[in-house]
Amino acid sequence: MALDELKSALPDYAKDLRLNLGSVIGNSELPQQRLWGTVLACAIASRSPRVLRELEPEAKANLSPEAYTAAKSAAAIMAMNNVFYRTRHLLSDPEYGTMRAGLRMNVIGNPGVEKVDFELWSLAVSAINGCGQCLDSHEQVLRKADVDRETIQEAVKIAAVIQAVGATIDSEAVLADAVPAE
């Protein structure tokens, strides 16, 4: 199983990540589509080639073709939206917040899966990308749809662990390839 490959690739100093990876994915109470859509979207958002390579096949096996595409769409649209909306929020000039975005985001209105699933995946990706405005927006939509805080937190935990695993594995790969200074 790819999850075991990722866990074994983690160094001893990241034992907590190894344990957390097993629990947030292996012991998740999320329905399969929500779980694996979150995993796939977060693996993409982590920008870690190894994490994506290891987790994508199992995500694909556990998702319908529509959900697989929608999870990838959530990662793609949030890659754009998180930069745009985080920047508008961080700029001290409030005028930017009143300006029309002028960016196409049709997939949010018609993701090809249940809106709640797509919103949960978008929230998880927004956690990785650090956009507070997007996090608030997606959390409000989920809460209005009667999604409980525990489900939302579970998606955020998946995002946090996948991001940390990717950063650790990629850092170790770079360090292993490092040429000693002369």
N, C-alpha and C. Protein backbone atom coordinates (compact mmCIF):
# COMPACT_ATOMS: atom_id res chain seq x y z
N MET A 1 0.85 -1.19 0.00
CA MET A 1 0.00 0.00 0.00
C MET A 1 0.89 1.24 0.00
N ALA A 2 0.50 2.22 -0.76
CA ALA A 2 1.27 3.47 -0.90
C ALA A 2 1.39 4.21 0.43
N LEU A 3 0.41 4.11 1.25
CA LEU A 3 0.45 4.78 2.56
C LEU A 3 1.62 4.22 3.38
N ASP A 4 1.82 2.92 3.32
CA ASP A 4 2.95 2.30 4.02
C ASP A 4 4.28 2.77 3.45
N GLU A 5 4.33 2.95 2.12
CA GLU A 5 5.56 3.45 1.48
C GLU A 5 5.90 4.85 1.99
N LEU A 6 4.90 5.71 2.07
CA LEU A 6 5.13 7.06 2.57
C LEU A 6 5.57 7.04 4.04
N LYS A 7 4.89 6.22 4.83
CA LYS A 7 5.25 6.14 6.25
C LYS A 7 6.68 5.65 6.42
N SER A 8 7.08 4.67 5.64
CA SER A 8 8.44 4.15 5.77
C SER A 8 9.48 5.12 5.22
N ALA A 9 9.08 6.04 4.37
CA ALA A 9 10.01 7.03 3.83
C ALA A 9 10.30 8.16 4.82
N LEU A 10 9.48 8.27 5.85
CA LEU A 10 9.68 9.34 6.83
C LEU A 10 10.81 8.98 7.79
N PRO A 11 11.70 9.93 8.06
CA PRO A 11 12.81 9.67 8.99
C PRO A 11 12.30 9.51 10.42
N ASP A 12 13.15 8.97 11.26
CA ASP A 12 12.78 8.72 12.66
C ASP A 12 12.35 9.99 13.39
N TYR A 13 12.97 11.12 13.06
CA TYR A 13 12.60 12.36 13.77
C TYR A 13 11.17 12.80 13.45
N ALA A 14 10.58 12.21 12.41
CA ALA A 14 9.20 12.55 12.02
C ALA A 14 8.23 11.42 12.36
N LYS A 15 8.53 10.71 13.44
CA LYS A 15 7.67 9.60 13.87
C LYS A 15 6.22 10.05 14.07
N ASP A 16 6.04 11.24 14.62
CA ASP A 16 4.68 11.75 14.83
C ASP A 16 3.93 11.86 13.51
N LEU A 17 4.62 12.29 12.47
CA LEU A 17 3.97 12.39 11.15
C LEU A 17 3.59 11.00 10.64
N ARG A 18 4.46 10.03 10.86
CA ARG A 18 4.18 8.65 10.43
C ARG A 18 2.91 8.15 11.10
N LEU A 19 2.82 8.37 12.40
CA LEU A 19 1.63 7.93 13.14
C LEU A 19 0.39 8.71 12.71
N ASN A 20 0.54 10.02 12.54
CA ASN A 20 -0.60 10.84 12.13
C ASN A 20 -1.08 10.48 10.73
N LEU A 21 -0.16 10.19 9.82
CA LEU A 21 -0.56 9.82 8.46
C LEU A 21 -1.41 8.56 8.49
N GLY A 22 -0.99 7.59 9.28
CA GLY A 22 -1.78 6.37 9.40
C GLY A 22 -3.15 6.61 10.00
N SER A 23 -3.22 7.51 10.97
CA SER A 23 -4.52 7.71 11.64
C SER A 23 -5.46 8.61 10.83
N VAL A 24 -4.97 9.69 10.24
CA VAL A 24 -5.91 10.60 9.55
C VAL A 24 -6.46 9.99 8.27
N ILE A 25 -5.71 9.08 7.67
CA ILE A 25 -6.23 8.42 6.46
C ILE A 25 -6.77 7.03 6.81
N GLY A 26 -5.98 6.25 7.52
CA GLY A 26 -6.37 4.88 7.82
C GLY A 26 -7.53 4.73 8.78
N ASN A 27 -7.71 5.69 9.67
CA ASN A 27 -8.79 5.60 10.66
C ASN A 27 -9.85 6.68 10.48
N SER A 28 -9.90 7.28 9.32
CA SER A 28 -10.85 8.37 9.08
C SER A 28 -12.29 7.84 9.09
N GLU A 29 -13.16 8.65 9.64
CA GLU A 29 -14.59 8.33 9.62
C GLU A 29 -15.30 9.01 8.45
N LEU A 30 -14.57 9.74 7.64
CA LEU A 30 -15.18 10.36 6.47
C LEU A 30 -15.62 9.28 5.48
N PRO A 31 -16.72 9.51 4.78
CA PRO A 31 -17.09 8.59 3.70
C PRO A 31 -15.95 8.54 2.67
N GLN A 32 -15.81 7.44 1.97
CA GLN A 32 -14.70 7.22 1.04
C GLN A 32 -14.50 8.37 0.06
N GLN A 33 -15.57 8.88 -0.53
CA GLN A 33 -15.41 9.96 -1.50
C GLN A 33 -14.86 11.22 -0.84
N ARG A 34 -15.36 11.57 0.30
CA ARG A 34 -14.85 12.77 0.99
C ARG A 34 -13.40 12.57 1.41
N LEU A 35 -13.10 11.41 1.95
CA LEU A 35 -11.74 11.12 2.39
C LEU A 35 -10.76 11.17 1.22
N TRP A 36 -10.99 10.39 0.19
CA TRP A 36 -10.01 10.28 -0.89
C TRP A 36 -9.98 11.50 -1.78
N GLY A 37 -11.09 12.23 -1.88
CA GLY A 37 -11.06 13.51 -2.58
C GLY A 37 -10.22 14.51 -1.82
N THR A 38 -10.34 14.52 -0.49
CA THR A 38 -9.51 15.39 0.34
C THR A 38 -8.05 15.01 0.21
N VAL A 39 -7.76 13.72 0.27
CA VAL A 39 -6.38 13.23 0.16
C VAL A 39 -5.79 13.65 -1.18
N LEU A 40 -6.51 13.42 -2.27
CA LEU A 40 -5.99 13.75 -3.60
C LEU A 40 -5.78 15.25 -3.76
N ALA A 41 -6.78 16.05 -3.40
CA ALA A 41 -6.64 17.51 -3.54
C ALA A 41 -5.47 18.02 -2.70
N CYS A 42 -5.30 17.48 -1.50
CA CYS A 42 -4.20 17.92 -0.63
C CYS A 42 -2.85 17.42 -1.14
N ALA A 43 -2.80 16.23 -1.69
CA ALA A 43 -1.55 15.73 -2.25
C ALA A 43 -1.10 16.63 -3.41
N ILE A 44 -2.03 17.06 -4.22
CA ILE A 44 -1.71 17.99 -5.31
C ILE A 44 -1.25 19.32 -4.73
N ALA A 45 -2.00 19.84 -3.76
CA ALA A 45 -1.68 21.14 -3.17
C ALA A 45 -0.35 21.12 -2.42
N SER A 46 0.07 19.97 -1.94
CA SER A 46 1.33 19.88 -1.20
C SER A 46 2.54 20.13 -2.10
N ARG A 47 2.36 19.99 -3.38
CA ARG A 47 3.43 20.17 -4.38
C ARG A 47 4.57 19.17 -4.21
N SER A 48 4.32 18.10 -3.52
CA SER A 48 5.33 17.07 -3.32
C SER A 48 5.14 15.96 -4.36
N PRO A 49 6.09 15.82 -5.27
CA PRO A 49 5.96 14.75 -6.28
C PRO A 49 5.81 13.36 -5.65
N ARG A 50 6.57 13.09 -4.61
CA ARG A 50 6.52 11.75 -3.99
C ARG A 50 5.16 11.51 -3.34
N VAL A 51 4.66 12.48 -2.62
CA VAL A 51 3.36 12.33 -1.96
C VAL A 51 2.27 12.11 -3.00
N LEU A 52 2.28 12.89 -4.05
CA LEU A 52 1.26 12.73 -5.09
C LEU A 52 1.40 11.38 -5.79
N ARG A 53 2.62 11.00 -6.12
CA ARG A 53 2.85 9.71 -6.78
C ARG A 53 2.36 8.53 -5.93
N GLU A 54 2.57 8.62 -4.64
CA GLU A 54 2.19 7.52 -3.75
C GLU A 54 0.69 7.47 -3.47
N LEU A 55 0.06 8.62 -3.30
CA LEU A 55 -1.35 8.65 -2.88
C LEU A 55 -2.35 8.66 -4.04
N GLU A 56 -1.95 9.14 -5.20
CA GLU A 56 -2.89 9.26 -6.33
C GLU A 56 -3.50 7.94 -6.77
N PRO A 57 -2.73 6.85 -6.90
CA PRO A 57 -3.36 5.60 -7.36
C PRO A 57 -4.48 5.11 -6.43
N GLU A 58 -4.25 5.20 -5.12
CA GLU A 58 -5.29 4.75 -4.20
C GLU A 58 -6.49 5.70 -4.21
N ALA A 59 -6.23 6.98 -4.36
CA ALA A 59 -7.33 7.94 -4.48
C ALA A 59 -8.15 7.62 -5.73
N LYS A 60 -7.47 7.37 -6.82
CA LYS A 60 -8.17 7.07 -8.08
C LYS A 60 -9.00 5.80 -7.95
N ALA A 61 -8.47 4.82 -7.24
CA ALA A 61 -9.20 3.55 -7.06
C ALA A 61 -10.43 3.71 -6.16
N ASN A 62 -10.41 4.72 -5.29
CA ASN A 62 -11.51 4.92 -4.34
C ASN A 62 -12.50 6.01 -4.75
N LEU A 63 -12.25 6.65 -5.88
CA LEU A 63 -13.13 7.73 -6.35
C LEU A 63 -13.75 7.36 -7.69
N SER A 64 -14.96 7.86 -7.91
CA SER A 64 -15.55 7.74 -9.25
C SER A 64 -14.74 8.64 -10.18
N PRO A 65 -14.83 8.43 -11.47
CA PRO A 65 -14.12 9.33 -12.39
C PRO A 65 -14.52 10.80 -12.18
N GLU A 66 -15.79 11.04 -11.88
CA GLU A 66 -16.26 12.41 -11.66
C GLU A 66 -15.65 13.01 -10.39
N ALA A 67 -15.59 12.22 -9.33
CA ALA A 67 -15.02 12.71 -8.07
C ALA A 67 -13.51 12.91 -8.21
N TYR A 68 -12.85 12.03 -8.93
CA TYR A 68 -11.41 12.16 -9.17
C TYR A 68 -11.12 13.48 -9.88
N THR A 69 -11.88 13.77 -10.91
CA THR A 69 -11.71 15.02 -11.66
C THR A 69 -12.07 16.22 -10.79
N ALA A 70 -13.12 16.11 -10.00
CA ALA A 70 -13.54 17.22 -9.14
C ALA A 70 -12.49 17.53 -8.07
N ALA A 71 -11.87 16.51 -7.51
CA ALA A 71 -10.83 16.74 -6.50
C ALA A 71 -9.64 17.46 -7.13
N LYS A 72 -9.27 17.04 -8.33
CA LYS A 72 -8.18 17.74 -9.03
C LYS A 72 -8.61 19.17 -9.37
N SER A 73 -9.86 19.36 -9.72
CA SER A 73 -10.38 20.70 -10.02
C SER A 73 -10.35 21.59 -8.78
N ALA A 74 -10.66 21.02 -7.62
CA ALA A 74 -10.62 21.80 -6.37
C ALA A 74 -9.19 22.28 -6.11
N ALA A 75 -8.21 21.40 -6.30
CA ALA A 75 -6.82 21.80 -6.10
C ALA A 75 -6.42 22.88 -7.09
N ALA A 76 -6.86 22.75 -8.33
CA ALA A 76 -6.49 23.72 -9.37
C ALA A 76 -7.11 25.09 -9.12
N ILE A 77 -8.41 25.12 -8.87
CA ILE A 77 -9.08 26.41 -8.72
C ILE A 77 -8.64 27.11 -7.43
N MET A 78 -8.37 26.32 -6.39
CA MET A 78 -7.92 26.93 -5.14
C MET A 78 -6.47 27.41 -5.25
N ALA A 79 -5.67 26.81 -6.11
CA ALA A 79 -4.30 27.32 -6.33
C ALA A 79 -4.38 28.76 -6.84
N MET A 80 -5.36 29.04 -7.67
CA MET A 80 -5.56 30.41 -8.17
C MET A 80 -6.26 31.28 -7.12
N ASN A 81 -7.39 30.81 -6.63
CA ASN A 81 -8.19 31.63 -5.71
C ASN A 81 -7.46 31.96 -4.41
N ASN A 82 -6.72 31.01 -3.88
CA ASN A 82 -6.02 31.27 -2.62
C ASN A 82 -5.00 32.38 -2.77
N VAL A 83 -4.31 32.44 -3.89
CA VAL A 83 -3.36 33.54 -4.12
C VAL A 83 -4.12 34.85 -4.29
N PHE A 84 -5.15 34.82 -5.12
CA PHE A 84 -5.88 36.05 -5.41
C PHE A 84 -6.54 36.63 -4.15
N TYR A 85 -7.33 35.81 -3.45
CA TYR A 85 -8.07 36.32 -2.31
C TYR A 85 -7.17 36.60 -1.10
N ARG A 86 -6.13 35.81 -0.92
CA ARG A 86 -5.19 36.10 0.16
C ARG A 86 -4.50 37.43 -0.09
N THR A 87 -4.14 37.70 -1.32
CA THR A 87 -3.49 38.97 -1.66
C THR A 87 -4.44 40.14 -1.43
N ARG A 88 -5.68 40.02 -1.88
CA ARG A 88 -6.64 41.11 -1.65
C ARG A 88 -6.81 41.37 -0.16
N HIS A 89 -6.82 40.32 0.62
CA HIS A 89 -6.99 40.46 2.06
C HIS A 89 -5.76 41.10 2.71
N LEU A 90 -4.58 40.77 2.21
CA LEU A 90 -3.34 41.27 2.82
C LEU A 90 -2.99 42.70 2.41
N LEU A 91 -3.48 43.12 1.27
CA LEU A 91 -3.21 44.50 0.85
C LEU A 91 -3.91 45.47 1.80
N SER A 92 -3.22 46.51 2.18
CA SER A 92 -3.80 47.45 3.15
C SER A 92 -4.87 48.35 2.52
N ASP A 93 -4.92 48.44 1.21
CA ASP A 93 -5.91 49.27 0.54
C ASP A 93 -7.22 48.48 0.39
N PRO A 94 -8.27 48.84 1.14
CA PRO A 94 -9.53 48.08 1.11
C PRO A 94 -10.26 48.16 -0.23
N GLU A 95 -9.86 49.08 -1.09
CA GLU A 95 -10.49 49.23 -2.40
C GLU A 95 -10.39 47.94 -3.22
N TYR A 96 -9.29 47.18 -3.06
CA TYR A 96 -9.13 45.94 -3.82
C TYR A 96 -10.23 44.94 -3.51
N GLY A 97 -10.72 44.97 -2.27
CA GLY A 97 -11.80 44.07 -1.87
C GLY A 97 -13.13 44.37 -2.51
N THR A 98 -13.27 45.55 -3.09
CA THR A 98 -14.53 45.93 -3.73
C THR A 98 -14.49 45.73 -5.24
N MET A 99 -13.31 45.43 -5.76
CA MET A 99 -13.16 45.29 -7.20
C MET A 99 -13.61 43.90 -7.66
N ARG A 100 -14.16 43.86 -8.86
CA ARG A 100 -14.59 42.60 -9.46
C ARG A 100 -13.36 41.74 -9.72
N ALA A 101 -13.46 40.45 -9.37
CA ALA A 101 -12.32 39.55 -9.57
C ALA A 101 -12.03 39.36 -11.05
N GLY A 102 -13.04 39.12 -11.86
CA GLY A 102 -12.83 38.93 -13.29
C GLY A 102 -12.10 37.65 -13.64
N LEU A 103 -12.16 36.67 -12.75
CA LEU A 103 -11.52 35.38 -13.00
C LEU A 103 -12.61 34.30 -13.12
N ARG A 104 -12.43 33.40 -14.05
CA ARG A 104 -13.40 32.31 -14.23
C ARG A 104 -13.25 31.30 -13.10
N MET A 105 -14.39 30.95 -12.51
CA MET A 105 -14.42 29.97 -11.41
C MET A 105 -15.67 29.11 -11.53
N ASN A 106 -16.05 28.78 -12.75
CA ASN A 106 -17.30 28.05 -12.99
C ASN A 106 -17.35 26.70 -12.29
N VAL A 107 -16.20 26.07 -12.11
CA VAL A 107 -16.18 24.74 -11.50
C VAL A 107 -16.74 24.76 -10.07
N ILE A 108 -16.63 25.88 -9.39
CA ILE A 108 -17.17 25.96 -8.03
C ILE A 108 -18.69 25.81 -8.04
N GLY A 109 -19.34 26.37 -9.04
CA GLY A 109 -20.79 26.28 -9.15
C GLY A 109 -21.27 24.95 -9.69
N ASN A 110 -20.43 24.26 -10.45
CA ASN A 110 -20.81 22.99 -11.05
C ASN A 110 -19.61 22.04 -11.04
N PRO A 111 -19.27 21.49 -9.85
CA PRO A 111 -18.06 20.69 -9.75
C PRO A 111 -18.18 19.26 -10.26
N GLY A 112 -19.39 18.78 -10.52
CA GLY A 112 -19.57 17.41 -10.99
C GLY A 112 -19.76 16.40 -9.87
N VAL A 113 -19.72 16.86 -8.61
CA VAL A 113 -19.98 16.03 -7.43
C VAL A 113 -20.85 16.84 -6.48
N GLU A 114 -21.21 16.22 -5.36
CA GLU A 114 -21.97 16.96 -4.35
C GLU A 114 -21.20 18.21 -3.94
N LYS A 115 -21.91 19.31 -3.86
CA LYS A 115 -21.30 20.60 -3.52
C LYS A 115 -20.54 20.53 -2.19
N VAL A 116 -21.08 19.82 -1.23
CA VAL A 116 -20.44 19.71 0.08
C VAL A 116 -19.06 19.07 -0.03
N ASP A 117 -18.94 18.02 -0.84
CA ASP A 117 -17.64 17.37 -1.01
C ASP A 117 -16.64 18.34 -1.61
N PHE A 118 -17.04 19.03 -2.66
CA PHE A 118 -16.14 19.98 -3.33
C PHE A 118 -15.74 21.11 -2.39
N GLU A 119 -16.67 21.59 -1.58
CA GLU A 119 -16.38 22.65 -0.61
C GLU A 119 -15.39 22.16 0.44
N LEU A 120 -15.55 20.91 0.88
CA LEU A 120 -14.62 20.36 1.88
C LEU A 120 -13.22 20.25 1.29
N TRP A 121 -13.11 19.79 0.06
CA TRP A 121 -11.80 19.68 -0.60
C TRP A 121 -11.18 21.07 -0.79
N SER A 122 -12.01 22.03 -1.15
CA SER A 122 -11.53 23.40 -1.34
C SER A 122 -11.04 24.00 -0.03
N LEU A 123 -11.75 23.71 1.05
CA LEU A 123 -11.33 24.18 2.37
C LEU A 123 -9.99 23.57 2.75
N ALA A 124 -9.81 22.28 2.52
CA ALA A 124 -8.55 21.61 2.88
C ALA A 124 -7.38 22.20 2.09
N VAL A 125 -7.58 22.43 0.80
CA VAL A 125 -6.53 23.03 -0.03
C VAL A 125 -6.25 24.45 0.44
N SER A 126 -7.28 25.19 0.81
CA SER A 126 -7.10 26.55 1.31
C SER A 126 -6.31 26.56 2.62
N ALA A 127 -6.45 25.52 3.43
CA ALA A 127 -5.65 25.42 4.65
C ALA A 127 -4.17 25.28 4.29
N ILE A 128 -3.87 24.44 3.31
CA ILE A 128 -2.48 24.28 2.88
C ILE A 128 -1.93 25.58 2.32
N ASN A 129 -2.73 26.25 1.53
CA ASN A 129 -2.28 27.48 0.87
C ASN A 129 -2.38 28.72 1.75
N GLY A 130 -2.98 28.59 2.92
CA GLY A 130 -2.99 29.68 3.89
C GLY A 130 -3.84 30.88 3.53
N CYS A 131 -5.01 30.65 2.96
CA CYS A 131 -5.89 31.77 2.63
C CYS A 131 -7.03 31.82 3.64
N GLY A 132 -6.94 32.74 4.58
CA GLY A 132 -7.96 32.88 5.62
C GLY A 132 -9.33 33.23 5.06
N GLN A 133 -9.37 34.08 4.06
CA GLN A 133 -10.65 34.49 3.49
C GLN A 133 -11.34 33.29 2.83
N CYS A 134 -10.57 32.47 2.12
CA CYS A 134 -11.14 31.28 1.49
C CYS A 134 -11.56 30.25 2.54
N LEU A 135 -10.75 30.09 3.58
CA LEU A 135 -11.12 29.18 4.66
C LEU A 135 -12.46 29.59 5.27
N ASP A 136 -12.60 30.86 5.59
CA ASP A 136 -13.86 31.35 6.16
C ASP A 136 -15.03 31.11 5.22
N SER A 137 -14.84 31.42 3.96
CA SER A 137 -15.91 31.28 2.97
C SER A 137 -16.36 29.83 2.84
N HIS A 138 -15.43 28.91 2.69
CA HIS A 138 -15.78 27.50 2.52
C HIS A 138 -16.35 26.91 3.81
N GLU A 139 -15.82 27.32 4.95
CA GLU A 139 -16.33 26.83 6.23
C GLU A 139 -17.78 27.28 6.42
N GLN A 140 -18.09 28.52 6.05
CA GLN A 140 -19.47 29.01 6.19
C GLN A 140 -20.43 28.23 5.30
N VAL A 141 -20.02 27.94 4.07
CA VAL A 141 -20.87 27.15 3.16
C VAL A 141 -21.10 25.76 3.75
N LEU A 142 -20.04 25.16 4.26
CA LEU A 142 -20.17 23.82 4.85
C LEU A 142 -21.07 23.83 6.07
N ARG A 143 -20.91 24.80 6.94
CA ARG A 143 -21.74 24.88 8.15
C ARG A 143 -23.20 25.11 7.79
N LYS A 144 -23.46 25.94 6.76
CA LYS A 144 -24.85 26.17 6.32
C LYS A 144 -25.46 24.90 5.75
N ALA A 145 -24.61 24.00 5.26
CA ALA A 145 -25.08 22.71 4.72
C ALA A 145 -25.10 21.63 5.81
N ASP A 146 -25.03 22.07 7.07
CA ASP A 146 -25.09 21.18 8.23
C ASP A 146 -23.92 20.20 8.35
N VAL A 147 -22.77 20.58 7.81
CA VAL A 147 -21.56 19.78 8.02
C VAL A 147 -21.02 20.16 9.39
N ASP A 148 -20.75 19.15 10.21
CA ASP A 148 -20.32 19.44 11.58
C ASP A 148 -18.85 19.85 11.63
N ARG A 149 -18.50 20.48 12.71
CA ARG A 149 -17.13 20.98 12.90
C ARG A 149 -16.11 19.84 12.92
N GLU A 150 -16.50 18.68 13.41
CA GLU A 150 -15.60 17.54 13.45
C GLU A 150 -15.19 17.11 12.04
N THR A 151 -16.12 17.12 11.10
CA THR A 151 -15.81 16.76 9.71
C THR A 151 -14.87 17.79 9.11
N ILE A 152 -15.15 19.06 9.37
CA ILE A 152 -14.29 20.13 8.85
C ILE A 152 -12.89 20.01 9.44
N GLN A 153 -12.82 19.77 10.73
CA GLN A 153 -11.51 19.63 11.36
C GLN A 153 -10.77 18.41 10.83
N GLU A 154 -11.49 17.34 10.55
CA GLU A 154 -10.85 16.14 10.01
C GLU A 154 -10.19 16.45 8.65
N ALA A 155 -10.87 17.21 7.81
CA ALA A 155 -10.28 17.59 6.52
C ALA A 155 -9.05 18.46 6.72
N VAL A 156 -9.09 19.35 7.69
CA VAL A 156 -7.93 20.21 7.97
C VAL A 156 -6.77 19.38 8.52
N LYS A 157 -7.06 18.39 9.33
CA LYS A 157 -6.00 17.52 9.84
C LYS A 157 -5.34 16.74 8.69
N ILE A 158 -6.15 16.26 7.76
CA ILE A 158 -5.59 15.56 6.60
C ILE A 158 -4.68 16.51 5.83
N ALA A 159 -5.14 17.74 5.62
CA ALA A 159 -4.33 18.73 4.90
C ALA A 159 -3.02 18.98 5.63
N ALA A 160 -3.08 19.17 6.94
CA ALA A 160 -1.88 19.47 7.72
C ALA A 160 -0.87 18.33 7.66
N VAL A 161 -1.35 17.11 7.80
CA VAL A 161 -0.44 15.96 7.81
C VAL A 161 0.16 15.73 6.43
N ILE A 162 -0.66 15.80 5.38
CA ILE A 162 -0.13 15.59 4.03
C ILE A 162 0.89 16.66 3.69
N GLN A 163 0.62 17.91 4.04
CA GLN A 163 1.57 18.99 3.79
C GLN A 163 2.89 18.74 4.53
N ALA A 164 2.80 18.36 5.79
CA ALA A 164 4.00 18.12 6.59
C ALA A 164 4.79 16.92 6.07
N VAL A 165 4.10 15.87 5.67
CA VAL A 165 4.77 14.69 5.12
C VAL A 165 5.50 15.07 3.83
N GLY A 166 4.84 15.83 2.97
CA GLY A 166 5.49 16.26 1.73
C GLY A 166 6.71 17.11 1.98
N ALA A 167 6.60 18.07 2.88
CA ALA A 167 7.74 18.94 3.19
C ALA A 167 8.91 18.14 3.75
N THR A 168 8.62 17.18 4.61
CA THR A 168 9.67 16.38 5.22
C THR A 168 10.34 15.45 4.22
N ILE A 169 9.55 14.74 3.46
CA ILE A 169 10.11 13.80 2.48
C ILE A 169 10.90 14.55 1.41
N ASP A 170 10.37 15.66 0.92
CA ASP A 170 11.08 16.42 -0.10
C ASP A 170 12.36 17.04 0.45
N SER A 171 12.33 17.50 1.68
CA SER A 171 13.54 18.07 2.30
C SER A 171 14.61 16.99 2.46
N GLU A 172 14.21 15.83 2.91
CA GLU A 172 15.17 14.74 3.07
C GLU A 172 15.77 14.32 1.72
N ALA A 173 14.96 14.34 0.66
CA ALA A 173 15.47 14.00 -0.68
C ALA A 173 16.51 15.02 -1.13
N VAL A 174 16.26 16.29 -0.87
CA VAL A 174 17.22 17.34 -1.22
C VAL A 174 18.51 17.15 -0.42
N LEU A 175 18.37 16.92 0.88
CA LEU A 175 19.55 16.76 1.72
C LEU A 175 20.37 15.53 1.33
N ALA A 176 19.69 14.47 0.91
CA ALA A 176 20.40 13.26 0.48
C ALA A 176 21.19 13.48 -0.80
N ASP A 177 20.71 14.40 -1.63
CA ASP A 177 21.38 14.71 -2.89
C ASP A 177 22.40 15.84 -2.74
N ALA A 178 22.47 16.45 -1.57
CA ALA A 178 23.36 17.60 -1.37
C ALA A 178 24.81 17.20 -1.51
N VAL A 179 25.53 18.05 -2.19
CA VAL A 179 26.98 17.85 -2.34
C VAL A 179 27.65 18.53 -1.16
N PRO A 180 28.52 17.82 -0.45
CA PRO A 180 29.17 18.44 0.71
C PRO A 180 29.99 19.66 0.30
N ALA A 181 29.97 20.67 1.16
CA ALA A 181 30.74 21.89 0.90
C ALA A 181 32.24 21.57 1.02
N GLU A 182 33.04 22.20 0.18
CA GLU A 182 34.49 21.96 0.21
C GLU A 182 35.20 23.02 0.99
